[in-house]
Amino acid sequence: MALSLLGELLVRKGIITKEQLSKVLNKSPENEEMLGRALINSGDLTEAQLYEVLAEQFNIPFFPRLKILEIVPSVIKAVPVKFVQHYGFMPLSLKGKVLTIAVSNPMDVWLAEEIKLNLKLQVQRVLSTRTEIDDAIRKYYGVVAGTVDKIITGKKEEKSKLRVQEHRIEDIEKSAEEASVIKLVNQILSEAIRMRATDIHIEPYQHKVHLRYRVDGVLRDVKVPEDIYYIQPAIVSRIKILSHLDVVEHRVPQDGRAKVRLQQGEEVDLRISIIPGYFGENVVIRVLPTQVLLDLDRIGFSPETLKKIEQMIHNPHGIILLTGPTGSGKTTTLYACLSKLNKPEAKIISIEDPVEYALEGVTQIQVNPRVGLTFAQTLRSVLRHDPDIMMVGEIRDTETADLAIRSALTGHLVFSTLHTNDAPSGITRLLDMGIEPFLLASSLEVLIAQRLIRLTCTKCKGKGCDNCNETGFRGRKAIFEILLVDEEIQQMIIAHKTSAEIKTKAKQLGMQTLQDSGMQLVKEGLTTKEEIMRVV
């Protein structure tokens, strides 16, 4: 077939010009596949445009979106994963002895013969993009299916024994250091990075393992083969080795950290927590970027709110509290505040559990309750180091709360967090801890409640597409509820008023609630009302 056939068809359809074709042909591509790739690389052609024309040229149906197809499990079981991944096609349906497959290269006519020879099936081909086929394989077979199959192959008779060997250190370390297990863990991490996941959950149950990624604050199941259950101890052991944890300890929780460089050269920090479950050890890996932009101007405050916050954090003393559940972005906001104040003339000390990001110029201390290094104990020692600004990662008990408040009253600026649903509830929570109302009223400057809400995908406006993994959402933005403690709020604290009464008064004074903040984003078309209701 003449090399120019594809090019001529593209020109005839008006997709590219003769000049664009000549420019690429002058570089002498060896075949039509390379011609198409060269036109895509030059920006003259999109992948979808190329495949539409190829489908017409070779008289093959074109399926631009495999993700919207529902492929029944019997089809997946009929075609082994190693076969699919080796030849790079996706089985779509099986009717009798006729297998319909999606291929990305219409010239791979020999593939039908390979399938007929190995699987005893006739083949009907449709055309789809390489990206669509890879995504479909990932969806229906799982990103780690081929690696798991490779590990399990040849060990069928050992399956029942594999999980029994956990107590033997030499067996665990040997299996955890096998190239295939290392590759498997790397694949799990790489896929999490590709999906923009913040957390990885590995959860063993009876005869199965669930792998889930938290993306934009929502957990998603990731397809894994059932056989992964048999090598789950080796996976956990590999993760323990990465984070320098005790490989033979399975009875108590363990926490660790690791920094890894993935195959694509990207470095990530991992915060690892392992707890003993009924069916085996559960692993949660927090994925932290090594380079994080801690800029208060880009946190998401409105210009008026940002001005107020900057005034508050430049006060010489007092307490600034952030409230909200785990994963609401409190730590990022606190770090952004500290970064703003991080000057040579200021001594800043933070007490954290754990330290998530390293900040040059800030003395960071990680608490360790097992050796008596609690928030309260550390706070006492820190005060003898003459700090100007302190960050207490979380106020968990009365002793810590009392020390933080007294520190603020003696001339220190203190940042901390509380786990409450809104800003006014932070006041009643501290009062319920036994803090004297007049001390709290004198020291508290501002309470900021925070949540992260998902933004609608800009490509599909919430309908679902490749860009957002069919969810309709991509990326997140913070919403805030900011309670400034002025004289009226101080009087209500001293009078021990309820959080509902304080909230009513604060709204009268102009406080925008979390729901108000979220609905403003709905009006701007950045998110949906349902998303605000889900979060708030």
Protein backbone atom coordinates (compact mmCIF):
# COMPACT_ATOMS: atom_id res chain seq x y z
CA MET A 1 0.00 0.00 0.00
CA ALA A 2 1.43 3.37 -0.99
CA LEU A 3 2.63 5.48 1.86
CA SER A 4 0.74 8.51 0.62
CA LEU A 5 -2.73 6.85 0.81
CA LEU A 6 -3.28 7.87 4.42
CA GLY A 7 -1.87 11.33 3.78
CA GLU A 8 -3.99 11.82 0.66
CA LEU A 9 -7.12 10.79 2.56
CA LEU A 10 -6.31 13.27 5.36
CA VAL A 11 -5.79 16.06 2.81
CA ARG A 12 -8.95 15.16 0.86
CA LYS A 13 -11.01 15.35 4.04
CA GLY A 14 -9.53 18.77 4.84
CA ILE A 15 -8.00 17.58 8.12
CA ILE A 16 -4.47 18.61 7.09
CA THR A 17 -3.06 20.68 4.22
CA LYS A 18 -0.73 19.47 1.46
CA GLU A 19 2.01 21.64 2.97
CA GLN A 20 1.63 19.97 6.37
CA LEU A 21 1.77 16.52 4.74
CA SER A 22 4.85 17.40 2.63
CA LYS A 23 6.68 18.71 5.68
CA VAL A 24 6.23 15.42 7.52
CA LEU A 25 6.86 13.23 4.44
CA ASN A 26 10.22 14.99 3.94
CA LYS A 27 11.34 13.31 7.19
CA SER A 28 10.74 9.93 5.46
CA PRO A 29 8.50 8.00 7.88
CA GLU A 30 8.91 4.25 7.25
CA ASN A 31 5.20 3.32 7.27
CA GLU A 32 1.71 4.69 7.68
CA GLU A 33 1.75 4.14 11.43
CA MET A 34 4.85 6.32 11.76
CA LEU A 35 3.33 8.90 9.40
CA GLY A 36 0.25 9.16 11.59
CA ARG A 37 2.37 9.39 14.75
CA ALA A 38 4.56 12.09 13.18
CA LEU A 39 1.47 14.18 12.28
CA ILE A 40 0.19 13.84 15.86
CA ASN A 41 3.59 14.81 17.31
CA SER A 42 3.75 17.87 15.03
CA GLY A 43 0.34 19.02 16.28
CA ASP A 44 -1.25 18.79 12.82
CA LEU A 45 -3.54 15.92 13.80
CA THR A 46 -5.31 14.58 16.89
CA GLU A 47 -5.28 10.91 17.81
CA ALA A 48 -9.06 10.65 17.33
CA GLN A 49 -8.87 12.22 13.85
CA LEU A 50 -6.15 9.78 12.80
CA TYR A 51 -8.09 6.72 13.94
CA GLU A 52 -11.32 7.86 12.29
CA VAL A 53 -9.52 8.08 8.96
CA LEU A 54 -7.69 4.76 9.51
CA ALA A 55 -11.03 3.08 10.25
CA GLU A 56 -12.40 4.37 6.95
CA GLN A 57 -9.25 3.44 5.05
CA PHE A 58 -9.22 -0.17 6.32
CA ASN A 59 -13.02 -0.50 6.49
CA ILE A 60 -12.99 -1.31 10.22
CA PRO A 61 -15.60 0.08 12.69
CA PHE A 62 -14.17 2.84 14.90
CA PHE A 63 -14.96 2.83 18.65
CA PRO A 64 -13.74 6.18 20.03
CA ARG A 65 -14.73 5.45 23.65
CA LEU A 66 -14.38 1.95 25.03
CA LYS A 67 -15.04 3.16 28.58
CA ILE A 68 -18.76 3.55 27.97
CA LEU A 69 -19.09 -0.12 26.91
CA GLU A 70 -20.19 -2.70 29.47
CA ILE A 71 -18.05 -5.78 28.93
CA VAL A 72 -19.44 -8.87 30.65
CA PRO A 73 -17.16 -10.84 33.03
CA SER A 74 -17.37 -14.02 30.90
CA VAL A 75 -15.53 -12.22 28.08
CA ILE A 76 -12.73 -11.14 30.43
CA LYS A 77 -12.40 -14.68 31.80
CA ALA A 78 -12.23 -16.13 28.28
CA VAL A 79 -9.07 -14.17 27.39
CA PRO A 80 -6.07 -14.40 29.78
CA VAL A 81 -4.55 -11.13 30.97
CA LYS A 82 -1.03 -12.07 29.86
CA PHE A 83 -2.36 -12.56 26.31
CA VAL A 84 -4.18 -9.22 26.34
CA GLN A 85 -1.21 -7.27 27.72
CA HIS A 86 1.35 -8.98 25.48
CA TYR A 87 -0.52 -8.24 22.24
CA GLY A 88 -2.12 -4.96 23.35
CA PHE A 89 -5.77 -5.55 22.44
CA MET A 90 -9.04 -5.44 24.39
CA PRO A 91 -11.74 -8.16 24.14
CA LEU A 92 -15.21 -6.61 23.84
CA SER A 93 -17.68 -9.45 23.28
CA LEU A 94 -17.87 -13.20 22.68
CA LYS A 95 -20.71 -14.68 20.65
CA GLY A 96 -20.33 -18.39 20.15
CA LYS A 97 -16.80 -18.79 18.84
CA VAL A 98 -16.49 -15.23 17.52
CA LEU A 99 -14.45 -12.84 19.69
CA THR A 100 -14.73 -9.11 18.99
CA ILE A 101 -11.57 -7.24 19.94
CA ALA A 102 -10.42 -3.61 19.84
CA VAL A 103 -7.00 -3.04 18.27
CA SER A 104 -4.98 0.14 17.83
CA ASN A 105 -3.06 -0.94 14.72
CA PRO A 106 -5.28 -1.95 11.78
CA MET A 107 -2.29 -3.53 10.03
CA ASP A 108 -1.80 -6.18 12.75
CA VAL A 109 -3.72 -8.78 10.74
CA TRP A 110 -1.57 -11.60 12.15
CA LEU A 111 -3.14 -11.04 15.59
CA ALA A 112 -6.31 -12.85 14.48
CA GLU A 113 -4.22 -15.92 13.64
CA GLU A 114 -2.49 -15.84 17.04
CA ILE A 115 -5.85 -15.71 18.85
CA LYS A 116 -7.26 -18.49 16.67
CA LEU A 117 -4.20 -20.65 17.34
CA ASN A 118 -4.05 -20.07 21.11
CA LEU A 119 -7.69 -19.53 22.10
CA LYS A 120 -9.48 -21.47 19.32
CA LEU A 121 -11.66 -18.43 18.52
CA GLN A 122 -12.52 -16.54 15.34
CA VAL A 123 -11.79 -12.79 15.51
CA GLN A 124 -13.72 -9.71 14.51
CA ARG A 125 -11.76 -6.45 14.83
CA VAL A 126 -12.78 -2.88 15.65
CA LEU A 127 -10.42 0.08 15.87
CA SER A 128 -9.77 2.21 18.94
CA THR A 129 -6.96 4.41 20.23
CA ARG A 130 -4.02 3.04 22.18
CA THR A 131 -5.07 5.19 25.16
CA GLU A 132 -8.64 3.83 25.14
CA ILE A 133 -7.41 0.23 24.94
CA ASP A 134 -4.91 0.72 27.77
CA ASP A 135 -7.59 2.34 29.94
CA ALA A 136 -10.04 -0.50 29.21
CA ILE A 137 -7.41 -3.14 30.11
CA ARG A 138 -6.74 -1.22 33.32
CA LYS A 139 -10.48 -1.02 34.11
CA TYR A 140 -11.43 -4.66 33.45
CA TYR A 141 -8.20 -6.54 34.19
CA GLY A 142 -6.60 -4.16 36.68
CA VAL A 143 -3.31 -2.33 36.45
CA VAL A 144 -1.42 -5.09 38.32
CA ALA A 145 -3.13 -8.13 36.80
CA GLY A 146 -0.23 -9.15 34.55
CA THR A 147 2.32 -8.89 37.35
CA VAL A 148 0.14 -10.86 39.79
CA ASP A 149 -0.41 -13.54 37.15
CA LYS A 150 3.36 -13.78 36.61
CA ILE A 151 4.02 -14.17 40.35
CA ILE A 152 1.29 -16.77 40.81
CA THR A 153 2.14 -18.80 37.66
CA GLY A 154 4.03 -21.94 38.63
CA LYS A 155 2.98 -21.65 42.27
CA LYS A 156 -0.58 -22.89 41.98
CA GLU A 157 0.05 -25.77 44.36
CA GLU A 158 1.69 -23.41 46.87
CA LYS A 159 -1.21 -20.96 47.09
CA SER A 160 -2.57 -22.33 50.34
CA LYS A 161 0.93 -22.23 51.85
CA LEU A 162 1.94 -18.73 50.75
CA ARG A 163 0.08 -16.93 53.55
CA VAL A 164 1.19 -19.40 56.21
CA GLN A 165 4.85 -18.40 55.83
CA GLU A 166 4.35 -14.95 57.39
CA HIS A 167 6.16 -15.83 60.62
CA ARG A 168 9.42 -16.69 58.90
CA ILE A 169 11.62 -13.62 58.36
CA GLU A 170 13.75 -15.21 55.61
CA ASP A 171 10.69 -16.18 53.56
CA ILE A 172 9.09 -12.76 53.93
CA GLU A 173 12.18 -10.77 53.05
CA LYS A 174 12.97 -13.04 50.10
CA SER A 175 9.45 -12.80 48.65
CA ALA A 176 9.23 -9.06 49.32
CA GLU A 177 12.50 -8.42 47.50
CA GLU A 178 11.58 -10.43 44.41
CA ALA A 179 11.68 -8.28 41.28
CA SER A 180 8.05 -9.10 40.46
CA VAL A 181 6.77 -8.00 43.90
CA ILE A 182 8.83 -4.81 43.74
CA LYS A 183 7.35 -4.15 40.29
CA LEU A 184 3.85 -4.84 41.64
CA VAL A 185 4.18 -2.28 44.46
CA ASN A 186 5.68 0.22 42.01
CA GLN A 187 2.69 -0.30 39.70
CA ILE A 188 0.27 0.35 42.56
CA LEU A 189 2.11 3.58 43.39
CA SER A 190 2.44 4.68 39.75
CA GLU A 191 -1.26 4.16 39.07
CA ALA A 192 -2.12 6.16 42.20
CA ILE A 193 0.04 9.04 40.96
CA ARG A 194 -1.53 8.83 37.49
CA MET A 195 -5.02 9.05 39.01
CA ARG A 196 -3.96 11.98 41.27
CA ALA A 197 -4.73 9.90 44.38
CA THR A 198 -3.90 11.26 47.84
CA ASP A 199 -4.30 7.91 49.65
CA ILE A 200 -3.88 4.22 48.81
CA HIS A 201 -5.87 1.64 50.82
CA ILE A 202 -4.92 -2.07 50.78
CA GLU A 203 -7.53 -4.07 52.71
CA PRO A 204 -7.54 -7.89 53.04
CA TYR A 205 -10.83 -9.71 53.53
CA GLN A 206 -11.74 -13.40 53.46
CA HIS A 207 -10.10 -14.78 50.28
CA LYS A 208 -9.88 -11.36 48.60
CA VAL A 209 -8.07 -8.04 48.76
CA HIS A 210 -9.56 -4.62 48.05
CA LEU A 211 -7.36 -1.90 46.56
CA ARG A 212 -8.82 1.61 46.73
CA TYR A 213 -7.52 5.07 45.84
CA ARG A 214 -8.83 8.33 47.29
CA VAL A 215 -9.11 10.80 44.42
CA ASP A 216 -10.46 14.31 45.02
CA GLY A 217 -11.56 13.21 48.49
CA VAL A 218 -13.61 10.20 47.33
CA LEU A 219 -12.51 6.54 47.57
CA ARG A 220 -12.59 4.52 44.33
CA ASP A 221 -12.24 0.78 43.92
CA VAL A 222 -9.36 -0.32 41.69
CA LYS A 223 -9.71 -3.60 39.82
CA VAL A 224 -7.29 -6.28 41.02
CA PRO A 225 -7.25 -10.03 40.31
CA GLU A 226 -8.53 -12.36 43.02
CA ASP A 227 -5.16 -14.12 43.15
CA ILE A 228 -3.57 -11.03 44.69
CA TYR A 229 -4.89 -12.36 48.03
CA TYR A 230 -2.17 -15.02 48.04
CA ILE A 231 0.69 -12.53 47.73
CA GLN A 232 -0.79 -9.80 49.97
CA PRO A 233 1.69 -10.60 52.82
CA ALA A 234 4.60 -10.12 50.39
CA ILE A 235 3.12 -6.78 49.27
CA VAL A 236 2.80 -5.59 52.88
CA SER A 237 6.33 -6.78 53.64
CA ARG A 238 7.68 -4.87 50.64
CA ILE A 239 5.93 -1.71 51.89
CA LYS A 240 7.39 -2.29 55.39
CA ILE A 241 10.89 -2.64 53.93
CA LEU A 242 10.41 0.60 51.98
CA SER A 243 9.41 2.46 55.15
CA HIS A 244 11.95 0.78 57.49
CA LEU A 245 9.32 -0.94 59.63
CA ASP A 246 9.51 -4.28 61.47
CA VAL A 247 8.81 -6.95 58.85
CA VAL A 248 8.02 -9.73 61.37
CA GLU A 249 5.71 -7.67 63.60
CA HIS A 250 2.05 -8.28 62.72
CA ARG A 251 0.34 -7.75 66.08
CA VAL A 252 0.60 -4.00 66.64
CA PRO A 253 0.10 -0.91 64.45
CA GLN A 254 3.17 0.56 62.76
CA ASP A 255 3.75 3.95 61.14
CA GLY A 256 6.56 4.93 58.82
CA ARG A 257 7.71 7.15 55.98
CA ALA A 258 9.44 6.62 52.66
CA LYS A 259 10.61 8.60 49.67
CA VAL A 260 10.50 6.75 46.38
CA ARG A 261 11.45 7.54 42.80
CA LEU A 262 9.09 5.99 40.30
CA GLN A 263 10.10 4.69 36.86
CA GLN A 264 9.04 7.93 35.19
CA GLY A 265 11.52 9.78 37.43
CA GLU A 266 8.93 11.36 39.70
CA GLU A 267 9.72 11.50 43.41
CA VAL A 268 6.99 11.21 46.05
CA ASP A 269 6.94 11.15 49.84
CA LEU A 270 4.88 8.36 51.38
CA ARG A 271 3.37 8.31 54.86
CA ILE A 272 2.55 4.72 55.73
CA SER A 273 0.24 3.33 58.41
CA ILE A 274 -0.25 -0.40 58.99
CA ILE A 275 -2.80 -1.87 61.40
CA PRO A 276 -3.58 -5.54 62.17
CA GLY A 277 -7.02 -6.54 60.86
CA TYR A 278 -8.97 -9.76 61.31
CA PHE A 279 -7.96 -11.15 57.90
CA GLY A 280 -4.50 -9.59 57.71
CA GLU A 281 -2.68 -6.29 57.89
CA ASN A 282 -4.42 -3.20 56.48
CA VAL A 283 -2.22 -0.60 54.80
CA VAL A 284 -2.94 3.06 54.14
CA ILE A 285 -0.36 5.07 52.20
CA ARG A 286 -0.68 8.86 52.13
CA VAL A 287 0.91 10.20 48.94
CA LEU A 288 2.55 13.58 49.53
CA PRO A 289 4.12 15.68 46.76
CA THR A 290 7.78 16.50 47.40
CA GLN A 291 7.24 20.02 46.06
CA VAL A 292 4.15 21.72 47.50
CA LEU A 293 3.21 25.34 46.93
CA LEU A 294 2.52 26.85 50.36
CA ASP A 295 1.30 30.27 49.28
CA LEU A 296 -1.38 31.91 51.42
CA ASP A 297 -2.47 34.01 48.44
CA ARG A 298 -3.36 30.84 46.53
CA ILE A 299 -5.14 28.89 49.28
CA GLY A 300 -8.54 30.12 48.05
CA PHE A 301 -9.47 32.99 50.39
CA SER A 302 -11.49 35.83 48.87
CA PRO A 303 -9.55 39.13 48.68
CA GLU A 304 -11.48 40.62 51.65
CA THR A 305 -11.03 37.47 53.75
CA LEU A 306 -7.35 37.20 52.85
CA LYS A 307 -6.81 40.76 54.08
CA LYS A 308 -8.44 39.92 57.44
CA ILE A 309 -6.45 36.69 57.80
CA GLU A 310 -3.16 38.43 57.07
CA GLN A 311 -3.97 41.02 59.73
CA MET A 312 -4.71 38.25 62.24
CA ILE A 313 -1.56 36.19 61.58
CA HIS A 314 0.60 39.27 62.00
CA ASN A 315 -0.73 39.84 65.53
CA PRO A 316 2.04 39.56 68.14
CA HIS A 317 0.06 37.06 70.24
CA GLY A 318 -3.19 35.10 70.40
CA ILE A 319 -4.60 31.80 69.10
CA ILE A 320 -5.64 31.09 65.52
CA LEU A 321 -7.65 27.84 65.26
CA LEU A 322 -8.51 25.81 62.17
CA THR A 323 -11.37 23.33 62.43
CA GLY A 324 -12.60 20.52 60.21
CA PRO A 325 -12.40 16.76 59.68
CA THR A 326 -9.36 14.81 58.55
CA GLY A 327 -8.49 15.55 54.93
CA SER A 328 -10.09 19.00 54.81
CA GLY A 329 -6.83 20.83 54.07
CA LYS A 330 -6.23 22.30 57.54
CA THR A 331 -2.54 21.37 57.58
CA THR A 332 -1.91 22.97 54.17
CA THR A 333 -3.52 26.22 55.33
CA LEU A 334 -1.47 26.17 58.55
CA TYR A 335 1.77 25.62 56.62
CA ALA A 336 0.85 28.46 54.25
CA CYS A 337 0.37 30.76 57.27
CA LEU A 338 3.74 29.73 58.72
CA SER A 339 5.42 30.24 55.33
CA LYS A 340 4.04 33.78 55.23
CA LEU A 341 5.50 34.48 58.68
CA ASN A 342 8.78 32.62 58.09
CA LYS A 343 11.26 35.50 58.39
CA PRO A 344 14.77 35.61 59.91
CA GLU A 345 13.52 37.78 62.78
CA ALA A 346 10.87 35.24 63.88
CA LYS A 347 11.57 32.03 65.83
CA ILE A 348 8.95 29.47 64.72
CA ILE A 349 8.53 26.03 66.30
CA SER A 350 5.92 23.45 65.25
CA ILE A 351 4.78 20.36 67.14
CA GLU A 352 3.21 17.86 64.75
CA ASP A 353 1.92 14.31 64.45
CA PRO A 354 3.36 13.59 61.97
CA VAL A 355 5.51 16.19 60.20
CA GLU A 356 4.09 16.25 56.66
CA TYR A 357 6.18 18.89 54.87
CA ALA A 358 9.68 20.09 55.73
CA LEU A 359 9.88 23.88 56.12
CA GLU A 360 13.31 25.48 56.20
CA GLY A 361 13.46 28.11 58.94
CA VAL A 362 10.91 26.30 61.12
CA THR A 363 11.96 23.99 63.96
CA GLN A 364 9.66 21.00 63.47
CA ILE A 365 9.13 18.37 66.18
CA GLN A 366 7.26 15.10 65.72
CA VAL A 367 5.48 13.84 68.83
CA ASN A 368 6.07 10.28 70.04
CA PRO A 369 3.63 9.30 72.82
CA ARG A 370 5.33 5.90 73.24
CA VAL A 371 8.36 7.62 74.79
CA GLY A 372 6.33 10.31 76.58
CA LEU A 373 6.77 12.97 73.90
CA THR A 374 3.14 14.17 73.81
CA PHE A 375 1.82 17.49 72.53
CA ALA A 376 1.56 18.83 76.10
CA GLN A 377 5.00 17.61 77.19
CA THR A 378 6.66 18.99 74.05
CA LEU A 379 4.82 22.31 74.39
CA ARG A 380 6.26 22.80 77.88
CA SER A 381 9.79 22.27 76.60
CA VAL A 382 9.27 24.43 73.52
CA LEU A 383 8.34 27.45 75.64
CA ARG A 384 11.89 27.41 77.05
CA HIS A 385 13.26 27.88 73.51
CA ASP A 386 11.99 31.45 73.29
CA PRO A 387 9.64 31.03 70.26
CA ASP A 388 7.72 33.94 68.74
CA ILE A 389 5.30 31.70 66.85
CA MET A 390 4.20 28.15 67.62
CA MET A 391 2.12 25.61 65.78
CA VAL A 392 0.48 22.83 67.77
CA GLY A 393 -0.67 20.23 65.22
CA GLU A 394 -3.86 19.38 67.09
CA ILE A 395 -5.48 20.20 70.43
CA ARG A 396 -6.54 16.76 71.65
CA ASP A 397 -6.88 17.18 75.41
CA THR A 398 -7.42 19.70 78.18
CA GLU A 399 -3.74 19.89 79.12
CA THR A 400 -2.65 20.81 75.60
CA ALA A 401 -5.51 23.31 75.23
CA ASP A 402 -4.67 24.98 78.56
CA LEU A 403 -0.96 25.25 77.71
CA ALA A 404 -1.69 26.66 74.24
CA ILE A 405 -4.02 29.31 75.66
CA ARG A 406 -1.62 30.32 78.42
CA SER A 407 1.18 30.53 75.81
CA ALA A 408 -0.97 32.93 73.79
CA LEU A 409 -1.66 35.02 76.89
CA THR A 410 2.06 35.30 77.64
CA GLY A 411 2.97 36.85 74.29
CA HIS A 412 3.13 34.02 71.75
CA LEU A 413 1.22 33.61 68.49
CA VAL A 414 -0.19 30.06 68.47
CA PHE A 415 -1.68 28.14 65.52
CA SER A 416 -3.58 24.89 66.06
CA THR A 417 -6.43 22.68 64.84
CA LEU A 418 -9.58 21.12 66.28
CA HIS A 419 -11.86 18.42 64.89
CA THR A 420 -15.24 20.17 64.88
CA ASN A 421 -17.91 20.57 62.21
CA ASP A 422 -17.94 24.36 62.09
CA ALA A 423 -16.14 27.38 63.53
CA PRO A 424 -18.49 28.22 66.48
CA SER A 425 -18.35 24.59 67.66
CA GLY A 426 -14.61 25.07 68.25
CA ILE A 427 -15.43 27.51 71.06
CA THR A 428 -17.86 25.18 72.84
CA ARG A 429 -15.45 22.26 72.38
CA LEU A 430 -12.72 24.14 74.27
CA LEU A 431 -15.18 25.24 76.96
CA ASP A 432 -16.31 21.62 77.35
CA MET A 433 -12.65 20.66 77.86
CA GLY A 434 -12.72 22.82 80.98
CA ILE A 435 -10.99 25.95 79.68
CA GLU A 436 -11.94 29.06 81.67
CA PRO A 437 -14.25 31.24 79.51
CA PHE A 438 -12.41 34.49 80.32
CA LEU A 439 -9.04 32.93 79.35
CA LEU A 440 -10.48 31.68 76.06
CA ALA A 441 -12.14 34.99 75.27
CA SER A 442 -8.88 36.86 75.94
CA SER A 443 -6.65 34.62 73.80
CA LEU A 444 -8.78 33.50 70.83
CA GLU A 445 -8.39 35.67 67.72
CA VAL A 446 -10.09 33.75 64.91
CA LEU A 447 -11.58 30.34 64.11
CA ILE A 448 -11.51 29.07 60.52
CA ALA A 449 -13.64 26.07 59.49
CA GLN A 450 -12.52 24.50 56.24
CA ARG A 451 -13.66 21.87 53.72
CA LEU A 452 -12.45 20.71 50.31
CA ILE A 453 -15.09 20.42 47.59
CA ARG A 454 -14.69 18.85 44.15
CA LEU A 455 -14.76 21.11 41.10
CA THR A 456 -16.71 20.16 37.99
CA CYS A 457 -14.51 19.01 35.13
CA THR A 458 -13.83 21.90 32.75
CA LYS A 459 -13.69 19.54 29.74
CA CYS A 460 -17.13 17.93 30.13
CA LYS A 461 -18.88 20.33 32.58
CA GLY A 462 -19.75 17.46 34.93
CA LYS A 463 -20.97 14.81 32.48
CA GLY A 464 -17.93 12.53 32.76
CA CYS A 465 -15.02 12.13 30.34
CA ASP A 466 -11.48 10.78 30.07
CA ASN A 467 -10.06 13.89 31.72
CA CYS A 468 -11.99 13.25 34.97
CA ASN A 469 -12.09 9.41 34.88
CA GLU A 470 -15.82 9.58 34.08
CA THR A 471 -16.63 11.18 37.46
CA GLY A 472 -17.58 14.66 36.23
CA PHE A 473 -15.18 16.23 38.74
CA ARG A 474 -11.49 17.13 38.56
CA GLY A 475 -9.56 19.03 41.21
CA ARG A 476 -10.66 20.53 44.52
CA LYS A 477 -11.04 23.93 46.11
CA ALA A 478 -11.33 24.99 49.74
CA ILE A 479 -14.40 26.68 51.20
CA PHE A 480 -14.21 28.54 54.49
CA GLU A 481 -16.22 29.75 57.47
CA ILE A 482 -14.30 32.46 59.32
CA LEU A 483 -15.34 33.55 62.81
CA LEU A 484 -13.53 36.67 64.00
CA VAL A 485 -13.59 36.92 67.78
CA ASP A 486 -14.55 40.56 68.38
CA GLU A 487 -15.90 42.11 71.62
CA GLU A 488 -19.44 40.81 71.11
CA ILE A 489 -18.25 37.23 70.53
CA GLN A 490 -15.92 37.55 73.54
CA GLN A 491 -18.90 38.48 75.75
CA MET A 492 -20.81 35.46 74.48
CA ILE A 493 -17.83 33.18 75.30
CA ILE A 494 -17.65 34.59 78.83
CA ALA A 495 -21.42 34.04 79.18
CA HIS A 496 -20.89 30.41 78.05
CA LYS A 497 -23.36 30.70 75.17
CA THR A 498 -24.06 27.69 72.90
CA SER A 499 -22.44 27.24 69.49
CA ALA A 500 -25.84 27.80 67.83
CA GLU A 501 -26.24 31.16 69.60
CA ILE A 502 -22.67 32.19 68.71
CA LYS A 503 -23.25 31.17 65.08
CA THR A 504 -26.45 33.23 64.87
CA LYS A 505 -24.67 36.30 66.25
CA ALA A 506 -21.65 35.76 63.97
CA LYS A 507 -23.91 35.60 60.90
CA GLN A 508 -25.53 38.85 61.99
CA LEU A 509 -22.04 40.33 62.17
CA GLY A 510 -21.34 39.22 58.60
CA MET A 511 -19.83 35.73 58.92
CA GLN A 512 -20.22 33.65 55.78
CA THR A 513 -20.99 30.00 56.64
CA LEU A 514 -19.44 26.98 54.91
CA GLN A 515 -22.68 26.48 53.01
CA ASP A 516 -22.75 30.13 51.93
CA SER A 517 -19.15 29.85 50.75
CA GLY A 518 -19.95 26.68 48.81
CA MET A 519 -23.10 28.07 47.19
CA GLN A 520 -21.06 31.02 45.95
CA LEU A 521 -18.95 28.54 43.97
CA VAL A 522 -22.15 26.95 42.63
CA LYS A 523 -23.26 30.38 41.37
CA GLU A 524 -19.89 30.77 39.66
CA GLY A 525 -20.40 27.41 37.91
CA LEU A 526 -17.37 25.79 39.58
CA THR A 527 -19.21 22.98 41.38
CA THR A 528 -22.68 21.54 41.98
CA LYS A 529 -25.26 21.99 44.72
CA GLU A 530 -25.17 18.22 45.34
CA GLU A 531 -21.41 18.37 45.98
CA ILE A 532 -21.86 21.15 48.54
CA MET A 533 -24.60 19.17 50.31
CA ARG A 534 -22.37 16.08 50.32
CA VAL A 535 -19.50 17.90 51.96
CA VAL A 536 -21.26 20.39 54.24
